[in-house]
C-alpha atoms as a PDB file:
ATOM      1  CA  MET A   1     116.802  40.858 -61.049  1.00  0.00           C
ATOM      2  CA  PRO A   2     116.146  43.753 -58.774  1.00  0.00           C
ATOM      3  CA  GLY A   3     119.189  44.724 -56.777  1.00  0.00           C
ATOM      4  CA  SER A   4     121.563  42.377 -58.597  1.00  0.00           C
ATOM      5  CA  ALA A   5     123.561  43.395 -61.631  1.00  0.00           C
ATOM      6  CA  ASP A   6     124.745  39.833 -62.080  1.00  0.00           C
ATOM      7  CA  GLY A   7     121.411  38.075 -61.470  1.00  0.00           C
ATOM      8  CA  ALA A   8     120.536  35.169 -63.728  1.00  0.00           C
ATOM      9  CA  THR A   9     117.226  33.630 -64.707  1.00  0.00           C
ATOM     10  CA  LEU A  10     116.483  30.233 -66.167  1.00  0.00           C
ATOM     11  CA  VAL A  11     113.072  29.669 -67.752  1.00  0.00           C
ATOM     12  CA  VAL A  12     112.049  26.042 -68.169  1.00  0.00           C
ATOM     13  CA  ILE A  13     108.840  25.157 -69.969  1.00  0.00           C
ATOM     14  CA  ARG A  14     107.489  21.634 -69.455  1.00  0.00           C
ATOM     15  CA  ARG A  15     104.497  19.851 -70.886  1.00  0.00           C
ATOM     16  CA  ILE A  16     103.324  17.176 -68.461  1.00  0.00           C
ATOM     17  CA  LYS A  17     102.683  13.816 -70.067  1.00  0.00           C
ATOM     18  CA  PRO A  18      99.126  12.431 -69.840  1.00  0.00           C
ATOM     19  CA  GLY A  19      98.438  10.753 -66.491  1.00  0.00           C
ATOM     20  CA  GLN A  20     101.689  12.046 -64.915  1.00  0.00           C
ATOM     21  CA  GLY A  21     100.354  15.123 -63.077  1.00  0.00           C
ATOM     22  CA  GLU A  22     100.745  13.768 -59.540  1.00  0.00           C
ATOM     23  CA  ALA A  23     104.221  12.374 -60.228  1.00  0.00           C
ATOM     24  CA  TYR A  24     105.249  15.739 -61.736  1.00  0.00           C
ATOM     25  CA  ASP A  25     103.889  17.678 -58.726  1.00  0.00           C
ATOM     26  CA  ASP A  26     105.823  15.399 -56.346  1.00  0.00           C
ATOM     27  CA  TRP A  27     108.963  15.881 -58.454  1.00  0.00           C
ATOM     28  CA  LEU A  28     108.439  19.658 -58.454  1.00  0.00           C
ATOM     29  CA  ARG A  29     108.292  19.789 -54.640  1.00  0.00           C
ATOM     30  CA  ARG A  30     111.544  17.809 -54.427  1.00  0.00           C
ATOM     31  CA  VAL A  31     113.456  19.889 -57.010  1.00  0.00           C
ATOM     32  CA  ILE A  32     112.434  23.148 -55.337  1.00  0.00           C
ATOM     33  CA  GLN A  33     113.537  21.779 -51.956  1.00  0.00           C
ATOM     34  CA  ALA A  34     116.903  20.780 -53.459  1.00  0.00           C
ATOM     35  CA  ALA A  35     117.416  24.225 -55.066  1.00  0.00           C
ATOM     36  CA  ARG A  36     116.756  26.024 -51.769  1.00  0.00           C
ATOM     37  CA  GLY A  37     120.020  24.628 -50.420  1.00  0.00           C
ATOM     38  CA  PHE A  38     122.156  26.111 -53.198  1.00  0.00           C
ATOM     39  CA  PRO A  39     124.160  29.333 -52.758  1.00  0.00           C
ATOM     40  CA  GLY A  40     122.690  32.193 -54.744  1.00  0.00           C
ATOM     41  CA  TYR A  41     119.196  30.672 -54.994  1.00  0.00           C
ATOM     42  CA  MET A  42     116.656  33.511 -54.936  1.00  0.00           C
ATOM     43  CA  GLY A  43     113.442  31.681 -55.727  1.00  0.00           C
ATOM     44  CA  VAL A  44     111.354  29.998 -58.363  1.00  0.00           C
ATOM     45  CA  THR A  45     108.035  31.016 -59.845  1.00  0.00           C
ATOM     46  CA  THR A  46     105.772  28.351 -61.293  1.00  0.00           C
ATOM     47  CA  LEU A  47     103.115  29.319 -63.796  1.00  0.00           C
ATOM     48  CA  SER A  48     100.391  27.460 -65.628  1.00  0.00           C
ATOM     49  CA  PRO A  49      99.469  29.995 -68.337  1.00  0.00           C
ATOM     50  CA  GLU A  50      96.653  27.897 -69.778  1.00  0.00           C
ATOM     51  CA  GLY A  51      94.921  27.413 -66.402  1.00  0.00           C
ATOM     52  CA  VAL A  52      95.174  24.958 -63.524  1.00  0.00           C
ATOM     53  CA  ASP A  53      93.920  22.031 -65.607  1.00  0.00           C
ATOM     54  CA  SER A  54      96.586  22.645 -68.253  1.00  0.00           C
ATOM     55  CA  ASN A  55      99.526  20.317 -68.738  1.00  0.00           C
ATOM     56  CA  LEU A  56     101.851  23.262 -69.510  1.00  0.00           C
ATOM     57  CA  ARG A  57     104.131  24.581 -66.744  1.00  0.00           C
ATOM     58  CA  TYR A  58     106.661  27.413 -66.674  1.00  0.00           C
ATOM     59  CA  LEU A  59     109.363  27.385 -64.011  1.00  0.00           C
ATOM     60  CA  ILE A  60     111.271  30.656 -63.694  1.00  0.00           C
ATOM     61  CA  TRP A  61     114.381  30.024 -61.599  1.00  0.00           C
ATOM     62  CA  ARG A  62     116.198  33.068 -60.172  1.00  0.00           C
ATOM     63  CA  PHE A  63     119.782  33.024 -58.904  1.00  0.00           C
ATOM     64  CA  GLY A  64     121.974  35.837 -57.599  1.00  0.00           C
ATOM     65  CA  SER A  65     124.559  35.378 -60.340  1.00  0.00           C
ATOM     66  CA  ALA A  66     125.290  33.452 -63.511  1.00  0.00           C
ATOM     67  CA  VAL A  67     127.951  31.561 -61.532  1.00  0.00           C
ATOM     68  CA  SER A  68     125.462  30.363 -58.913  1.00  0.00           C
ATOM     69  CA  LEU A  69     122.954  29.371 -61.625  1.00  0.00           C
ATOM     70  CA  ASP A  70     125.705  27.479 -63.445  1.00  0.00           C
ATOM     71  CA  ALA A  71     126.646  25.646 -60.224  1.00  0.00           C
ATOM     72  CA  TRP A  72     122.993  24.622 -59.764  1.00  0.00           C
ATOM     73  CA  GLU A  73     122.738  23.459 -63.367  1.00  0.00           C
ATOM     74  CA  LYS A  74     125.904  21.358 -63.069  1.00  0.00           C
ATOM     75  CA  SER A  75     125.008  19.842 -59.691  1.00  0.00           C
ATOM     76  CA  ASP A  76     124.519  16.099 -59.392  1.00  0.00           C
ATOM     77  CA  ILE A  77     121.215  16.460 -57.530  1.00  0.00           C
ATOM     78  CA  ARG A  78     119.709  18.734 -60.173  1.00  0.00           C
ATOM     79  CA  ASN A  79     120.909  16.565 -63.043  1.00  0.00           C
ATOM     80  CA  SER A  80     119.472  13.482 -61.362  1.00  0.00           C
ATOM     81  CA  LEU A  81     116.121  15.221 -60.867  1.00  0.00           C
ATOM     82  CA  VAL A  82     116.064  16.539 -64.464  1.00  0.00           C
ATOM     83  CA  LYS A  83     116.725  13.029 -65.746  1.00  0.00           C
ATOM     84  CA  GLU A  84     113.857  11.755 -63.579  1.00  0.00           C
ATOM     85  CA  VAL A  85     111.355  14.373 -64.795  1.00  0.00           C
ATOM     86  CA  GLU A  86     111.800  13.116 -68.368  1.00  0.00           C
ATOM     87  CA  ASN A  87     109.458  10.303 -67.267  1.00  0.00           C
ATOM     88  CA  TYR A  88     106.726  12.830 -66.464  1.00  0.00           C
ATOM     89  CA  ALA A  89     107.190  15.755 -68.854  1.00  0.00           C
ATOM     90  CA  THR A  90     108.977  17.104 -71.930  1.00  0.00           C
ATOM     91  CA  GLN A  91     110.907  20.339 -71.570  1.00  0.00           C
ATOM     92  CA  HIS A  92     112.168  23.485 -73.304  1.00  0.00           C
ATOM     93  CA  ARG A  93     114.504  25.882 -71.500  1.00  0.00           C
ATOM     94  CA  GLU A  94     115.868  29.406 -71.926  1.00  0.00           C
ATOM     95  CA  LYS A  95     118.567  31.203 -69.929  1.00  0.00           C
ATOM     96  CA  ALA A  96     118.407  34.947 -69.492  1.00  0.00           C
ATOM     97  CA  THR A  97     120.790  37.474 -68.051  1.00  0.00           C
ATOM     98  CA  GLY A  98     119.581  40.757 -69.473  1.00  0.00           C
ATOM     99  CA  MET A  99     118.383  42.075 -72.810  1.00  0.00           C
ATOM    100  CA  GLU A 100     116.887  38.793 -74.014  1.00  0.00           C
ATOM    101  CA  THR A 101     114.212  39.113 -71.339  1.00  0.00           C
ATOM    102  CA  TRP A 102     112.868  42.066 -73.332  1.00  0.00           C
ATOM    103  CA  PHE A 103     111.106  39.705 -75.710  1.00  0.00           C
ATOM    104  CA  SER A 104     107.829  37.880 -75.116  1.00  0.00           C
ATOM    105  CA  LEU A 105     107.835  34.203 -74.213  1.00  0.00           C
ATOM    106  CA  PRO A 106     105.530  32.044 -76.336  1.00  0.00           C
ATOM    107  CA  GLY A 107     102.162  31.482 -74.685  1.00  0.00           C
ATOM    108  CA  MET A 108     102.822  34.050 -71.948  1.00  0.00           C
ATOM    109  CA  LYS A 109     101.174  37.401 -71.386  1.00  0.00           C
ATOM    110  CA  VAL A 110     104.398  38.958 -70.105  1.00  0.00           C
ATOM    111  CA  GLN A 111     105.039  42.121 -72.079  1.00  0.00           C
ATOM    112  CA  PRO A 112     108.505  43.397 -72.946  1.00  0.00           C
ATOM    113  CA  PRO A 113     109.263  47.050 -72.216  1.00  0.00           C
ATOM    114  CA  PRO A 114     107.950  49.604 -74.720  1.00  0.00           C
ATOM    115  CA  LYS A 115     110.179  49.914 -77.779  1.00  0.00           C
ATOM    116  CA  TRP A 116     111.047  53.546 -77.004  1.00  0.00           C
ATOM    117  CA  LYS A 117     112.490  52.475 -73.634  1.00  0.00           C
ATOM    118  CA  MET A 118     114.431  49.626 -75.264  1.00  0.00           C
ATOM    119  CA  PHE A 119     115.736  52.106 -77.863  1.00  0.00           C
ATOM    120  CA  THR A 120     116.747  54.645 -75.205  1.00  0.00           C
ATOM    121  CA  VAL A 121     118.677  52.173 -73.047  1.00  0.00           C
ATOM    122  CA  THR A 122     120.353  50.548 -76.060  1.00  0.00           C
ATOM    123  CA  LEU A 123     121.276  53.941 -77.569  1.00  0.00           C
ATOM    124  CA  PHE A 124     122.967  55.173 -74.392  1.00  0.00           C
ATOM    125  CA  ALA A 125     124.762  51.859 -73.846  1.00  0.00           C
ATOM    126  CA  ALA A 126     125.933  51.632 -77.481  1.00  0.00           C
ATOM    127  CA  TYR A 127     127.024  55.277 -77.521  1.00  0.00           C
ATOM    128  CA  GLY A 128     129.057  54.851 -74.331  1.00  0.00           C
ATOM    129  CA  VAL A 129     130.734  51.636 -75.458  1.00  0.00           C
ATOM    130  CA  SER A 130     131.428  53.008 -78.945  1.00  0.00           C
ATOM    131  CA  PHE A 131     132.823  56.260 -77.577  1.00  0.00           C
ATOM    132  CA  VAL A 132     135.214  54.542 -75.162  1.00  0.00           C
ATOM    133  CA  ALA A 133     136.316  51.931 -77.735  1.00  0.00           C
ATOM    134  CA  ARG A 134     137.080  54.601 -80.346  1.00  0.00           C
ATOM    135  CA  LEU A 135     138.795  56.823 -77.786  1.00  0.00           C
ATOM    136  CA  LEU A 136     141.076  54.010 -76.612  1.00  0.00           C
ATOM    137  CA  LEU A 137     141.648  52.128 -79.875  1.00  0.00           C
ATOM    138  CA  GLY A 138     141.189  54.858 -82.481  1.00  0.00           C
ATOM    139  CA  PRO A 139     144.835  55.952 -82.459  1.00  0.00           C
ATOM    140  CA  TYR A 140     145.981  52.355 -82.999  1.00  0.00           C
ATOM    141  CA  LEU A 141     143.476  51.480 -85.719  1.00  0.00           C
ATOM    142  CA  GLY A 142     143.579  54.776 -87.625  1.00  0.00           C
ATOM    143  CA  ASP A 143     145.704  53.386 -90.462  1.00  0.00           C
ATOM    144  CA  TRP A 144     143.704  50.165 -90.801  1.00  0.00           C
ATOM    145  CA  PRO A 145     141.325  49.727 -93.747  1.00  0.00           C
ATOM    146  CA  LEU A 146     137.788  50.872 -92.903  1.00  0.00           C
ATOM    147  CA  PHE A 147     136.251  47.369 -93.104  1.00  0.00           C
ATOM    148  CA  ALA A 148     138.874  45.960 -90.673  1.00  0.00           C
ATOM    149  CA  SER A 149     138.687  48.744 -88.096  1.00  0.00           C
ATOM    150  CA  ASN A 150     134.879  48.748 -88.320  1.00  0.00           C
ATOM    151  CA  LEU A 151     134.877  44.982 -87.686  1.00  0.00           C
ATOM    152  CA  VAL A 152     137.007  45.425 -84.542  1.00  0.00           C
ATOM    153  CA  PHE A 153     134.741  48.186 -83.203  1.00  0.00           C
ATOM    154  CA  THR A 154     131.598  46.189 -84.026  1.00  0.00           C
ATOM    155  CA  VAL A 155     132.886  43.069 -82.239  1.00  0.00           C
ATOM    156  CA  ILE A 156     133.765  45.157 -79.178  1.00  0.00           C
ATOM    157  CA  LEU A 157     130.359  46.883 -79.270  1.00  0.00           C
ATOM    158  CA  VAL A 158     128.282  43.715 -79.608  1.00  0.00           C
ATOM    159  CA  ALA A 159     130.313  41.704 -77.081  1.00  0.00           C
ATOM    160  CA  THR A 160     130.266  44.490 -74.490  1.00  0.00           C
ATOM    161  CA  LEU A 161     126.547  45.131 -74.945  1.00  0.00           C
ATOM    162  CA  THR A 162     125.683  41.422 -74.774  1.00  0.00           C
ATOM    163  CA  TYR A 163     127.828  40.333 -71.860  1.00  0.00           C
ATOM    164  CA  PHE A 164     128.239  43.466 -69.780  1.00  0.00           C
ATOM    165  CA  ALA A 165     126.260  46.631 -70.512  1.00  0.00           C
ATOM    166  CA  MET A 166     122.749  45.382 -71.302  1.00  0.00           C
ATOM    167  CA  PRO A 167     122.456  42.794 -68.496  1.00  0.00           C
ATOM    168  CA  ARG A 168     123.560  45.408 -65.966  1.00  0.00           C
ATOM    169  CA  LEU A 169     121.446  48.219 -67.389  1.00  0.00           C
ATOM    170  CA  SER A 170     118.422  45.900 -67.651  1.00  0.00           C
ATOM    171  CA  SER A 171     118.808  45.081 -63.968  1.00  0.00           C
ATOM    172  CA  LEU A 172     119.600  48.638 -62.867  1.00  0.00           C
ATOM    173  CA  LEU A 173     116.675  50.151 -64.823  1.00  0.00           C
ATOM    174  CA  ARG A 174     114.226  47.242 -64.349  1.00  0.00           C
ATOM    175  CA  LYS A 175     111.604  49.258 -62.446  1.00  0.00           C
ATOM    176  CA  TRP A 176     111.563  51.957 -65.121  1.00  0.00           C
ATOM    177  CA  LEU A 177     111.667  49.496 -68.036  1.00  0.00           C
ATOM    178  CA  TYR A 178     108.891  47.240 -66.773  1.00  0.00           C
ATOM    179  CA  LEU A 179     106.432  49.780 -65.363  1.00  0.00           C
ATOM    180  CA  GLU A 180     102.897  48.554 -65.850  1.00  0.00           C
ATOM    181  CA  GLN A 181     101.717  49.503 -69.262  1.00  0.00           C
ATOM    182  CA  HIS A 182      98.201  50.858 -69.624  1.00  0.00           C
END
């Protein structure tokens, strides 16, 4: 999310059941109204990628942090409304905090960043994490067998990229990463 290193996004895809369009639309108005009262709520985008007469809906929920999104997801009002919507639609959901948003969603025309930009950001992030991990832990793991020390460095690299570096870099460099592609 622009301006937020800790922003979180939840993508929910629902297919409205036949004859339940009006009930779903009423439910949608109520769930959006309920979300507006939650701390960290930044907005929701609703899309119908197959056209207005389609029964497919994408809801892209944006919150200021993973903590605020988690609070919304665990709230009684949201859980009650999600249980209710099962009468009107079936759902699929995806949470995103960073790098996973670089991949296309099925049925959407949203394009991930060009591969060379993905490579560049990942290379710099991986190099930085690897350099610091080896600088700090190298003296302690120098006598370890190669497979063991490599495992420790790999776990540190993947965990740091997944939970820290890539979500923050994706947010920080969002404008550059997602420039319109011609």
